[in-house]
C-alpha cells in the first residue's frame, strides 16, 4: 500500500512510516495477554494463518510445555488446521464459543483430533463445553511459569476467552 501511495505521488518519509508501525497495536494477532506462563491470543482461522502462527511461536517463544485452546467456525478447514496445530502442542483443550450457530461442536473437534492421533500422541487433548470451562481446564493442567498457552481459531473465541480470563 505504501509503495502504491508513493507511486501516486504521496510523500511518505521513511522515519514517519517506521514510527507509525512501531505504534500499531493489532489485538488478536500474536497478542501476548499474559506472562508466566506466557499466554498468546491469535485469531488464526485458516490453514495459512495457523501455519504462520506455528512458525511465529517456534521462532519467537520458548516454552517448557505448550498448551493450546482451540475453537473455530463450521465453514473452515478444521481438519487442516488441526493437522498443523496438534503436533505442536503438548496439551490441547478443544472448545466452542457460546451463542453462535457457526461454532464447530466440541464433539466434532474431538472426532477430528482422534482421527489424527498417532500412538505417541494419543490423549493429549480434552474437550471443554465453553471458553470459561476451557480456561479452567488449562489451569487444571497446572501450567508452569515457563509454559506457553496459545488460544486460537477464531476472533469469537478470543473475545470470550478474554472475558473468561478477566473473570
N, C-alpha and C. Protein backbone atom coordinates (compact mmCIF):
# COMPACT_ATOMS: atom_id res chain seq x y z
N UNK A 1 0.84 -1.19 0.00
CA UNK A 1 0.00 0.00 0.00
C UNK A 1 0.88 1.25 0.00
N UNK A 2 1.94 1.19 0.83
CA UNK A 2 2.84 2.35 0.87
C UNK A 2 3.49 2.59 -0.49
N UNK A 3 3.89 1.52 -1.14
CA UNK A 3 4.52 1.66 -2.48
C UNK A 3 3.54 2.31 -3.46
N UNK A 4 2.29 1.88 -3.43
CA UNK A 4 1.29 2.44 -4.34
C UNK A 4 1.05 3.92 -4.03
N UNK A 5 0.97 4.26 -2.76
CA UNK A 5 0.78 5.66 -2.39
C UNK A 5 1.96 6.52 -2.87
N UNK A 6 3.15 6.00 -2.72
CA UNK A 6 4.33 6.74 -3.18
C UNK A 6 4.33 6.87 -4.69
N UNK A 7 3.96 5.79 -5.40
CA UNK A 7 3.88 5.87 -6.87
C UNK A 7 2.84 6.88 -7.30
N UNK A 8 1.81 7.05 -6.47
CA UNK A 8 0.76 8.02 -6.78
C UNK A 8 1.16 9.44 -6.44
N UNK A 9 2.37 9.63 -5.93
CA UNK A 9 2.86 10.96 -5.67
C UNK A 9 2.80 11.41 -4.22
N UNK A 10 2.31 10.59 -3.33
CA UNK A 10 2.23 10.96 -1.92
C UNK A 10 3.61 10.82 -1.28
N UNK A 11 4.04 11.84 -0.59
CA UNK A 11 5.33 11.82 0.08
C UNK A 11 5.18 11.20 1.47
N UNK A 12 5.84 10.06 1.66
CA UNK A 12 5.79 9.35 2.94
C UNK A 12 7.21 9.15 3.44
N UNK A 13 7.67 10.00 4.36
CA UNK A 13 9.04 9.87 4.86
C UNK A 13 9.23 8.54 5.59
N UNK A 14 10.35 7.88 5.33
CA UNK A 14 10.65 6.58 5.92
C UNK A 14 10.60 6.62 7.44
N UNK A 15 11.14 7.67 8.06
CA UNK A 15 11.13 7.76 9.53
C UNK A 15 9.71 7.82 10.07
N UNK A 16 8.83 8.52 9.39
CA UNK A 16 7.43 8.60 9.82
C UNK A 16 6.72 7.26 9.69
N UNK A 17 7.01 6.55 8.61
CA UNK A 17 6.42 5.23 8.41
C UNK A 17 6.88 4.28 9.51
N UNK A 18 8.16 4.30 9.83
CA UNK A 18 8.69 3.44 10.90
C UNK A 18 8.04 3.76 12.26
N UNK A 19 7.90 5.06 12.57
CA UNK A 19 7.25 5.45 13.83
C UNK A 19 5.81 4.95 13.88
N UNK A 20 5.13 5.06 12.75
CA UNK A 20 3.73 4.60 12.70
C UNK A 20 3.65 3.10 12.95
N UNK A 21 4.51 2.31 12.32
CA UNK A 21 4.49 0.86 12.52
C UNK A 21 4.82 0.48 13.95
N UNK A 22 5.69 1.22 14.59
CA UNK A 22 6.05 0.93 15.97
C UNK A 22 4.88 1.12 16.93
N UNK A 23 3.94 1.95 16.56
CA UNK A 23 2.81 2.22 17.45
C UNK A 23 1.57 1.37 17.13
N UNK A 24 1.65 0.56 16.09
CA UNK A 24 0.50 -0.26 15.70
C UNK A 24 0.22 -1.31 16.77
N UNK A 25 -1.02 -1.40 17.16
CA UNK A 25 -1.47 -2.47 18.04
C UNK A 25 -2.52 -3.25 17.28
N UNK A 26 -2.35 -4.59 17.25
CA UNK A 26 -3.25 -5.42 16.47
C UNK A 26 -3.78 -6.53 17.36
N UNK A 27 -4.81 -6.24 18.14
CA UNK A 27 -5.35 -7.26 19.05
C UNK A 27 -5.72 -8.54 18.30
N UNK A 28 -5.39 -9.65 18.91
CA UNK A 28 -5.74 -10.93 18.32
C UNK A 28 -4.77 -11.46 17.31
N UNK A 29 -3.64 -10.81 17.16
CA UNK A 29 -2.60 -11.29 16.25
C UNK A 29 -1.30 -11.39 17.03
N UNK A 30 -0.97 -12.60 17.44
CA UNK A 30 0.19 -12.88 18.30
C UNK A 30 0.22 -11.86 19.45
N UNK A 31 -0.93 -11.71 20.06
CA UNK A 31 -1.09 -10.77 21.17
C UNK A 31 -0.76 -11.46 22.49
N UNK A 32 0.25 -10.97 23.17
CA UNK A 32 0.62 -11.53 24.46
C UNK A 32 -0.29 -10.90 25.51
N UNK A 33 -1.15 -11.73 26.11
CA UNK A 33 -2.12 -11.24 27.09
C UNK A 33 -1.75 -11.64 28.51
N UNK A 34 -0.70 -12.42 28.66
CA UNK A 34 -0.26 -12.83 29.98
C UNK A 34 1.18 -13.31 29.94
N UNK A 35 1.82 -13.22 31.07
CA UNK A 35 3.21 -13.68 31.20
C UNK A 35 3.30 -14.61 32.39
N UNK A 36 4.17 -15.59 32.27
CA UNK A 36 4.47 -16.52 33.37
C UNK A 36 3.24 -17.24 33.89
N UNK A 37 2.60 -18.07 33.13
CA UNK A 37 3.01 -18.51 31.80
C UNK A 37 2.62 -17.50 30.71
N UNK A 38 3.41 -17.51 29.66
CA UNK A 38 3.13 -16.64 28.52
C UNK A 38 1.82 -17.12 27.89
N UNK A 39 0.89 -16.20 27.71
CA UNK A 39 -0.40 -16.52 27.10
C UNK A 39 -0.56 -15.67 25.85
N UNK A 40 -0.73 -16.34 24.72
CA UNK A 40 -0.79 -15.68 23.42
C UNK A 40 -2.16 -15.90 22.80
N UNK A 41 -2.76 -14.81 22.34
CA UNK A 41 -4.01 -14.86 21.58
C UNK A 41 -3.67 -14.65 20.11
N UNK A 42 -4.21 -15.49 19.25
CA UNK A 42 -4.07 -15.26 17.81
C UNK A 42 -5.33 -15.80 17.14
N UNK A 43 -5.93 -14.99 16.30
CA UNK A 43 -7.21 -15.35 15.68
C UNK A 43 -7.02 -16.16 14.40
N UNK A 44 -5.92 -16.89 14.27
CA UNK A 44 -5.69 -17.72 13.09
C UNK A 44 -6.94 -18.58 12.84
N UNK A 45 -7.52 -18.45 11.65
CA UNK A 45 -8.78 -19.15 11.39
C UNK A 45 -8.80 -19.84 10.03
N UNK A 46 -7.61 -20.07 9.48
CA UNK A 46 -7.49 -20.89 8.27
C UNK A 46 -6.11 -21.53 8.30
N UNK A 47 -5.88 -22.47 7.39
CA UNK A 47 -4.63 -23.24 7.43
C UNK A 47 -3.41 -22.33 7.26
N UNK A 48 -3.48 -21.37 6.35
CA UNK A 48 -2.33 -20.48 6.12
C UNK A 48 -2.00 -19.66 7.36
N UNK A 49 -3.01 -19.11 8.02
CA UNK A 49 -2.73 -18.29 9.22
C UNK A 49 -2.30 -19.17 10.39
N UNK A 50 -2.79 -20.41 10.46
CA UNK A 50 -2.34 -21.33 11.50
C UNK A 50 -0.87 -21.68 11.28
N UNK A 51 -0.48 -21.92 10.03
CA UNK A 51 0.94 -22.19 9.74
C UNK A 51 1.81 -21.01 10.14
N UNK A 52 1.36 -19.80 9.82
CA UNK A 52 2.12 -18.61 10.19
C UNK A 52 2.23 -18.49 11.71
N UNK A 53 1.16 -18.77 12.42
CA UNK A 53 1.19 -18.73 13.88
C UNK A 53 2.19 -19.74 14.43
N UNK A 54 2.13 -20.96 13.95
CA UNK A 54 3.04 -22.01 14.42
C UNK A 54 4.49 -21.61 14.18
N UNK A 55 4.77 -21.06 13.01
CA UNK A 55 6.14 -20.61 12.70
C UNK A 55 6.57 -19.50 13.65
N UNK A 56 5.68 -18.57 13.92
CA UNK A 56 6.00 -17.47 14.84
C UNK A 56 6.24 -18.00 16.25
N UNK A 57 5.41 -18.93 16.70
CA UNK A 57 5.60 -19.49 18.04
C UNK A 57 6.94 -20.23 18.14
N UNK A 58 7.29 -20.98 17.10
CA UNK A 58 8.58 -21.69 17.10
C UNK A 58 9.75 -20.72 17.17
N UNK A 59 9.67 -19.64 16.39
CA UNK A 59 10.78 -18.70 16.28
C UNK A 59 10.89 -17.74 17.46
N UNK A 60 9.76 -17.37 18.04
CA UNK A 60 9.77 -16.26 18.98
C UNK A 60 9.45 -16.61 20.43
N UNK A 61 8.99 -17.82 20.69
CA UNK A 61 8.57 -18.18 22.04
C UNK A 61 9.18 -19.51 22.46
N UNK A 62 9.98 -19.47 23.51
CA UNK A 62 10.48 -20.72 24.06
C UNK A 62 9.53 -21.14 25.18
N UNK A 63 9.38 -22.43 25.34
CA UNK A 63 8.47 -22.92 26.37
C UNK A 63 8.85 -24.34 26.76
N UNK A 64 8.66 -24.61 28.03
CA UNK A 64 8.87 -25.98 28.53
C UNK A 64 7.76 -26.87 27.99
N UNK A 65 6.54 -26.37 28.06
CA UNK A 65 5.37 -27.11 27.60
C UNK A 65 4.46 -26.13 26.87
N UNK A 66 3.81 -26.59 25.82
CA UNK A 66 2.90 -25.75 25.04
C UNK A 66 1.48 -26.28 25.17
N UNK A 67 0.58 -25.37 25.53
CA UNK A 67 -0.83 -25.71 25.74
C UNK A 67 -1.66 -24.92 24.74
N UNK A 68 -2.55 -25.60 24.04
CA UNK A 68 -3.41 -24.97 23.04
C UNK A 68 -4.86 -24.97 23.50
N UNK A 69 -5.55 -23.85 23.29
CA UNK A 69 -7.00 -23.79 23.40
C UNK A 69 -7.50 -23.46 22.00
N UNK A 70 -8.40 -24.29 21.48
CA UNK A 70 -8.82 -24.14 20.08
C UNK A 70 -10.33 -24.28 19.92
N UNK A 71 -10.90 -23.38 19.15
CA UNK A 71 -12.28 -23.46 18.68
C UNK A 71 -12.33 -22.73 17.34
N UNK A 72 -13.25 -23.12 16.49
CA UNK A 72 -13.35 -22.46 15.19
C UNK A 72 -14.76 -22.56 14.64
N UNK A 73 -14.89 -22.15 13.39
CA UNK A 73 -16.18 -22.00 12.74
C UNK A 73 -16.41 -23.11 11.72
N UNK A 74 -17.65 -23.50 11.53
CA UNK A 74 -18.01 -24.63 10.69
C UNK A 74 -17.45 -24.57 9.26
N UNK A 75 -17.47 -23.42 8.63
CA UNK A 75 -17.09 -23.36 7.22
C UNK A 75 -15.57 -23.33 6.99
N UNK A 76 -14.80 -23.52 8.03
CA UNK A 76 -13.34 -23.51 7.92
C UNK A 76 -12.80 -24.92 7.67
N UNK A 77 -11.54 -25.01 7.24
CA UNK A 77 -10.85 -26.30 7.06
C UNK A 77 -10.35 -26.74 8.44
N UNK A 78 -11.26 -27.22 9.25
CA UNK A 78 -10.95 -27.57 10.63
C UNK A 78 -9.91 -28.70 10.66
N UNK A 79 -10.11 -29.71 9.85
CA UNK A 79 -9.18 -30.84 9.81
C UNK A 79 -7.77 -30.36 9.45
N UNK A 80 -7.67 -29.48 8.47
CA UNK A 80 -6.37 -28.94 8.06
C UNK A 80 -5.71 -28.13 9.17
N UNK A 81 -6.50 -27.31 9.87
CA UNK A 81 -5.94 -26.53 10.98
C UNK A 81 -5.45 -27.44 12.09
N UNK A 82 -6.23 -28.44 12.45
CA UNK A 82 -5.81 -29.36 13.50
C UNK A 82 -4.57 -30.15 13.08
N UNK A 83 -4.47 -30.51 11.81
CA UNK A 83 -3.31 -31.23 11.31
C UNK A 83 -2.02 -30.43 11.55
N UNK A 84 -2.11 -29.13 11.42
CA UNK A 84 -0.94 -28.26 11.66
C UNK A 84 -0.72 -28.05 13.16
N UNK A 85 -1.79 -27.84 13.90
CA UNK A 85 -1.68 -27.46 15.31
C UNK A 85 -1.33 -28.61 16.25
N UNK A 86 -2.01 -29.73 16.14
CA UNK A 86 -1.89 -30.78 17.15
C UNK A 86 -0.45 -31.23 17.41
N UNK A 87 0.38 -31.43 16.39
CA UNK A 87 1.75 -31.88 16.68
C UNK A 87 2.61 -30.85 17.41
N UNK A 88 2.18 -29.60 17.43
CA UNK A 88 2.97 -28.52 18.01
C UNK A 88 2.73 -28.31 19.50
N UNK A 89 1.72 -28.97 20.06
CA UNK A 89 1.33 -28.71 21.44
C UNK A 89 1.34 -29.98 22.27
N UNK A 90 1.75 -29.82 23.51
CA UNK A 90 1.79 -30.95 24.44
C UNK A 90 0.41 -31.28 24.99
N UNK A 91 -0.38 -30.26 25.24
CA UNK A 91 -1.73 -30.42 25.76
C UNK A 91 -2.66 -29.53 24.94
N UNK A 92 -3.86 -30.03 24.68
CA UNK A 92 -4.81 -29.31 23.85
C UNK A 92 -6.18 -29.34 24.52
N UNK A 93 -6.82 -28.17 24.57
CA UNK A 93 -8.19 -28.07 25.06
C UNK A 93 -9.04 -27.62 23.88
N UNK A 94 -9.94 -28.49 23.46
CA UNK A 94 -10.85 -28.19 22.36
C UNK A 94 -12.14 -27.66 22.97
N UNK A 95 -12.63 -26.56 22.42
CA UNK A 95 -13.83 -25.96 22.98
C UNK A 95 -14.68 -25.36 21.86
N UNK A 96 -15.72 -24.67 22.23
CA UNK A 96 -16.53 -23.94 21.25
C UNK A 96 -16.96 -22.64 21.90
N UNK A 97 -17.14 -21.62 21.09
CA UNK A 97 -17.63 -20.37 21.65
C UNK A 97 -19.13 -20.46 21.77
N UNK A 98 -19.66 -19.66 22.66
CA UNK A 98 -21.09 -19.74 23.00
C UNK A 98 -21.93 -18.84 22.11
N UNK A 99 -23.20 -19.17 22.04
CA UNK A 99 -24.21 -18.34 21.39
C UNK A 99 -23.88 -18.01 19.94
N UNK A 100 -23.36 -19.01 19.21
CA UNK A 100 -23.03 -18.80 17.81
C UNK A 100 -23.28 -20.12 17.08
N UNK A 101 -24.25 -20.13 16.21
CA UNK A 101 -24.62 -21.36 15.49
C UNK A 101 -23.51 -21.84 14.56
N UNK A 102 -22.56 -20.99 14.23
CA UNK A 102 -21.48 -21.37 13.32
C UNK A 102 -20.32 -22.07 14.03
N UNK A 103 -20.33 -22.11 15.35
CA UNK A 103 -19.23 -22.74 16.10
C UNK A 103 -19.23 -24.25 15.85
N UNK A 104 -18.03 -24.81 15.66
CA UNK A 104 -17.91 -26.26 15.49
C UNK A 104 -18.17 -26.92 16.84
N UNK A 105 -19.07 -27.89 16.90
CA UNK A 105 -19.32 -28.59 18.16
C UNK A 105 -18.04 -29.29 18.67
N UNK A 106 -17.87 -29.31 19.98
CA UNK A 106 -16.66 -29.93 20.54
C UNK A 106 -16.58 -31.41 20.17
N UNK A 107 -17.72 -32.06 20.02
CA UNK A 107 -17.71 -33.47 19.64
C UNK A 107 -17.09 -33.66 18.26
N UNK A 108 -17.34 -32.73 17.35
CA UNK A 108 -16.75 -32.79 16.02
C UNK A 108 -15.24 -32.52 16.09
N UNK A 109 -14.85 -31.55 16.90
CA UNK A 109 -13.41 -31.30 17.07
C UNK A 109 -12.73 -32.54 17.64
N UNK A 110 -13.37 -33.18 18.61
CA UNK A 110 -12.81 -34.39 19.22
C UNK A 110 -12.70 -35.51 18.20
N UNK A 111 -13.70 -35.66 17.35
CA UNK A 111 -13.65 -36.70 16.31
C UNK A 111 -12.48 -36.47 15.36
N UNK A 112 -12.31 -35.23 14.93
CA UNK A 112 -11.22 -34.90 14.02
C UNK A 112 -9.86 -35.08 14.70
N UNK A 113 -9.75 -34.68 15.96
CA UNK A 113 -8.50 -34.85 16.70
C UNK A 113 -8.17 -36.33 16.87
N UNK A 114 -9.17 -37.13 17.19
CA UNK A 114 -8.96 -38.57 17.35
C UNK A 114 -8.46 -39.19 16.06
N UNK A 115 -9.03 -38.77 14.94
CA UNK A 115 -8.62 -39.32 13.64
C UNK A 115 -7.17 -38.99 13.32
N UNK A 116 -6.65 -37.93 13.89
CA UNK A 116 -5.27 -37.52 13.61
C UNK A 116 -4.26 -38.04 14.63
N UNK A 117 -4.73 -38.61 15.73
CA UNK A 117 -3.83 -39.07 16.77
C UNK A 117 -3.02 -40.26 16.30
N UNK A 118 -1.75 -40.24 16.66
CA UNK A 118 -0.87 -41.38 16.42
C UNK A 118 -0.59 -42.01 17.77
N UNK A 119 0.05 -43.13 17.76
CA UNK A 119 0.30 -43.87 19.01
C UNK A 119 1.01 -43.01 20.04
N UNK A 120 1.95 -42.19 19.61
CA UNK A 120 2.71 -41.39 20.58
C UNK A 120 2.00 -40.10 20.97
N UNK A 121 0.90 -39.75 20.34
CA UNK A 121 0.19 -38.50 20.64
C UNK A 121 -1.22 -38.74 21.18
N UNK A 122 -1.58 -39.97 21.42
CA UNK A 122 -2.93 -40.28 21.89
C UNK A 122 -3.21 -39.61 23.23
N UNK A 123 -4.36 -39.00 23.33
CA UNK A 123 -4.81 -38.49 24.62
C UNK A 123 -4.21 -37.18 25.07
N UNK A 124 -3.58 -36.43 24.19
CA UNK A 124 -3.02 -35.16 24.63
C UNK A 124 -4.02 -34.02 24.50
N UNK A 125 -5.27 -34.34 24.26
CA UNK A 125 -6.31 -33.31 24.15
C UNK A 125 -7.50 -33.68 25.03
N UNK A 126 -8.29 -32.64 25.33
CA UNK A 126 -9.52 -32.81 26.09
C UNK A 126 -10.54 -31.81 25.56
N UNK A 127 -11.79 -32.00 25.92
CA UNK A 127 -12.82 -31.07 25.46
C UNK A 127 -13.36 -30.27 26.64
N UNK A 128 -13.81 -29.06 26.32
CA UNK A 128 -14.45 -28.17 27.29
C UNK A 128 -15.65 -27.55 26.60
N UNK A 129 -16.74 -27.45 27.30
CA UNK A 129 -18.00 -27.03 26.69
C UNK A 129 -18.05 -25.57 26.25
N UNK A 130 -17.21 -24.72 26.84
CA UNK A 130 -17.23 -23.30 26.51
C UNK A 130 -15.90 -22.68 26.93
N UNK A 131 -15.64 -21.44 26.53
CA UNK A 131 -14.36 -20.81 26.86
C UNK A 131 -14.04 -20.73 28.35
N UNK A 132 -15.02 -20.44 29.18
CA UNK A 132 -14.74 -20.36 30.62
C UNK A 132 -14.30 -21.72 31.15
N UNK A 133 -14.97 -22.78 30.73
CA UNK A 133 -14.60 -24.13 31.13
C UNK A 133 -13.24 -24.50 30.56
N UNK A 134 -12.95 -24.04 29.35
CA UNK A 134 -11.63 -24.30 28.75
C UNK A 134 -10.53 -23.64 29.58
N UNK A 135 -10.77 -22.43 30.05
CA UNK A 135 -9.76 -21.74 30.87
C UNK A 135 -9.55 -22.48 32.19
N UNK A 136 -10.63 -23.01 32.75
CA UNK A 136 -10.50 -23.83 33.97
C UNK A 136 -9.69 -25.09 33.67
N UNK A 137 -9.92 -25.70 32.51
CA UNK A 137 -9.18 -26.90 32.12
C UNK A 137 -7.69 -26.60 31.96
N UNK A 138 -7.38 -25.44 31.41
CA UNK A 138 -5.97 -25.04 31.28
C UNK A 138 -5.34 -24.95 32.67
N UNK A 139 -6.04 -24.32 33.60
CA UNK A 139 -5.49 -24.20 34.96
C UNK A 139 -5.37 -25.55 35.66
N UNK A 140 -6.26 -26.49 35.33
CA UNK A 140 -6.17 -27.84 35.90
C UNK A 140 -4.91 -28.56 35.41
N UNK A 141 -4.37 -28.12 34.29
CA UNK A 141 -3.11 -28.69 33.77
C UNK A 141 -1.90 -28.17 34.55
N UNK A 142 -2.14 -27.25 35.46
CA UNK A 142 -1.11 -26.64 36.30
C UNK A 142 0.08 -26.12 35.48
N UNK A 143 -0.21 -25.11 34.63
CA UNK A 143 0.89 -24.57 33.82
C UNK A 143 1.98 -23.95 34.67
N UNK A 144 3.20 -24.18 34.26
CA UNK A 144 4.39 -23.66 34.90
C UNK A 144 4.66 -22.26 34.34
N UNK A 145 5.42 -21.47 35.04
CA UNK A 145 5.76 -20.12 34.58
C UNK A 145 6.49 -20.14 33.24
N UNK A 146 7.14 -21.25 32.92
CA UNK A 146 7.89 -21.36 31.66
C UNK A 146 7.09 -21.98 30.53
N UNK A 147 5.80 -22.19 30.73
CA UNK A 147 4.95 -22.78 29.70
C UNK A 147 4.40 -21.69 28.79
N UNK A 148 3.82 -22.14 27.68
CA UNK A 148 3.15 -21.25 26.74
C UNK A 148 1.72 -21.72 26.57
N UNK A 149 0.79 -20.80 26.69
CA UNK A 149 -0.63 -21.08 26.43
C UNK A 149 -1.00 -20.28 25.18
N UNK A 150 -1.52 -20.97 24.18
CA UNK A 150 -1.94 -20.30 22.95
C UNK A 150 -3.42 -20.53 22.73
N UNK A 151 -4.16 -19.45 22.53
CA UNK A 151 -5.59 -19.51 22.26
C UNK A 151 -5.78 -19.07 20.82
N UNK A 152 -6.38 -19.94 19.99
CA UNK A 152 -6.51 -19.61 18.57
C UNK A 152 -7.70 -20.29 17.92
N UNK A 153 -8.01 -19.85 16.72
CA UNK A 153 -9.05 -20.46 15.90
C UNK A 153 -10.15 -19.52 15.45
N UNK A 154 -10.33 -18.40 16.18
CA UNK A 154 -11.43 -17.51 15.84
C UNK A 154 -11.39 -16.24 16.69
N UNK A 155 -11.79 -15.14 16.08
CA UNK A 155 -11.97 -13.91 16.87
C UNK A 155 -13.08 -14.10 17.90
N UNK A 156 -14.10 -14.89 17.56
CA UNK A 156 -15.18 -15.17 18.52
C UNK A 156 -14.59 -15.79 19.79
N UNK A 157 -13.72 -16.79 19.61
CA UNK A 157 -13.10 -17.46 20.75
C UNK A 157 -12.28 -16.47 21.58
N UNK A 158 -11.49 -15.65 20.92
CA UNK A 158 -10.63 -14.71 21.65
C UNK A 158 -11.45 -13.77 22.52
N UNK A 159 -12.55 -13.27 21.99
CA UNK A 159 -13.40 -12.36 22.77
C UNK A 159 -13.95 -13.03 24.01
N UNK A 160 -14.40 -14.26 23.87
CA UNK A 160 -14.96 -14.97 25.01
C UNK A 160 -13.89 -15.44 25.98
N UNK A 161 -12.72 -15.82 25.47
CA UNK A 161 -11.62 -16.20 26.36
C UNK A 161 -11.12 -15.00 27.17
N UNK A 162 -11.09 -13.85 26.53
CA UNK A 162 -10.66 -12.64 27.24
C UNK A 162 -11.57 -12.39 28.44
N UNK A 163 -12.87 -12.55 28.24
CA UNK A 163 -13.83 -12.36 29.34
C UNK A 163 -13.62 -13.43 30.41
N UNK A 164 -13.35 -14.66 30.01
CA UNK A 164 -13.13 -15.74 30.98
C UNK A 164 -11.88 -15.49 31.80
N UNK A 165 -10.83 -15.01 31.18
CA UNK A 165 -9.58 -14.73 31.88
C UNK A 165 -9.77 -13.57 32.85
N UNK A 166 -10.46 -12.53 32.41
CA UNK A 166 -10.70 -11.38 33.28
C UNK A 166 -11.56 -11.74 34.48
N UNK A 167 -12.49 -12.71 34.29
CA UNK A 167 -13.35 -13.13 35.39
C UNK A 167 -12.55 -13.89 36.42
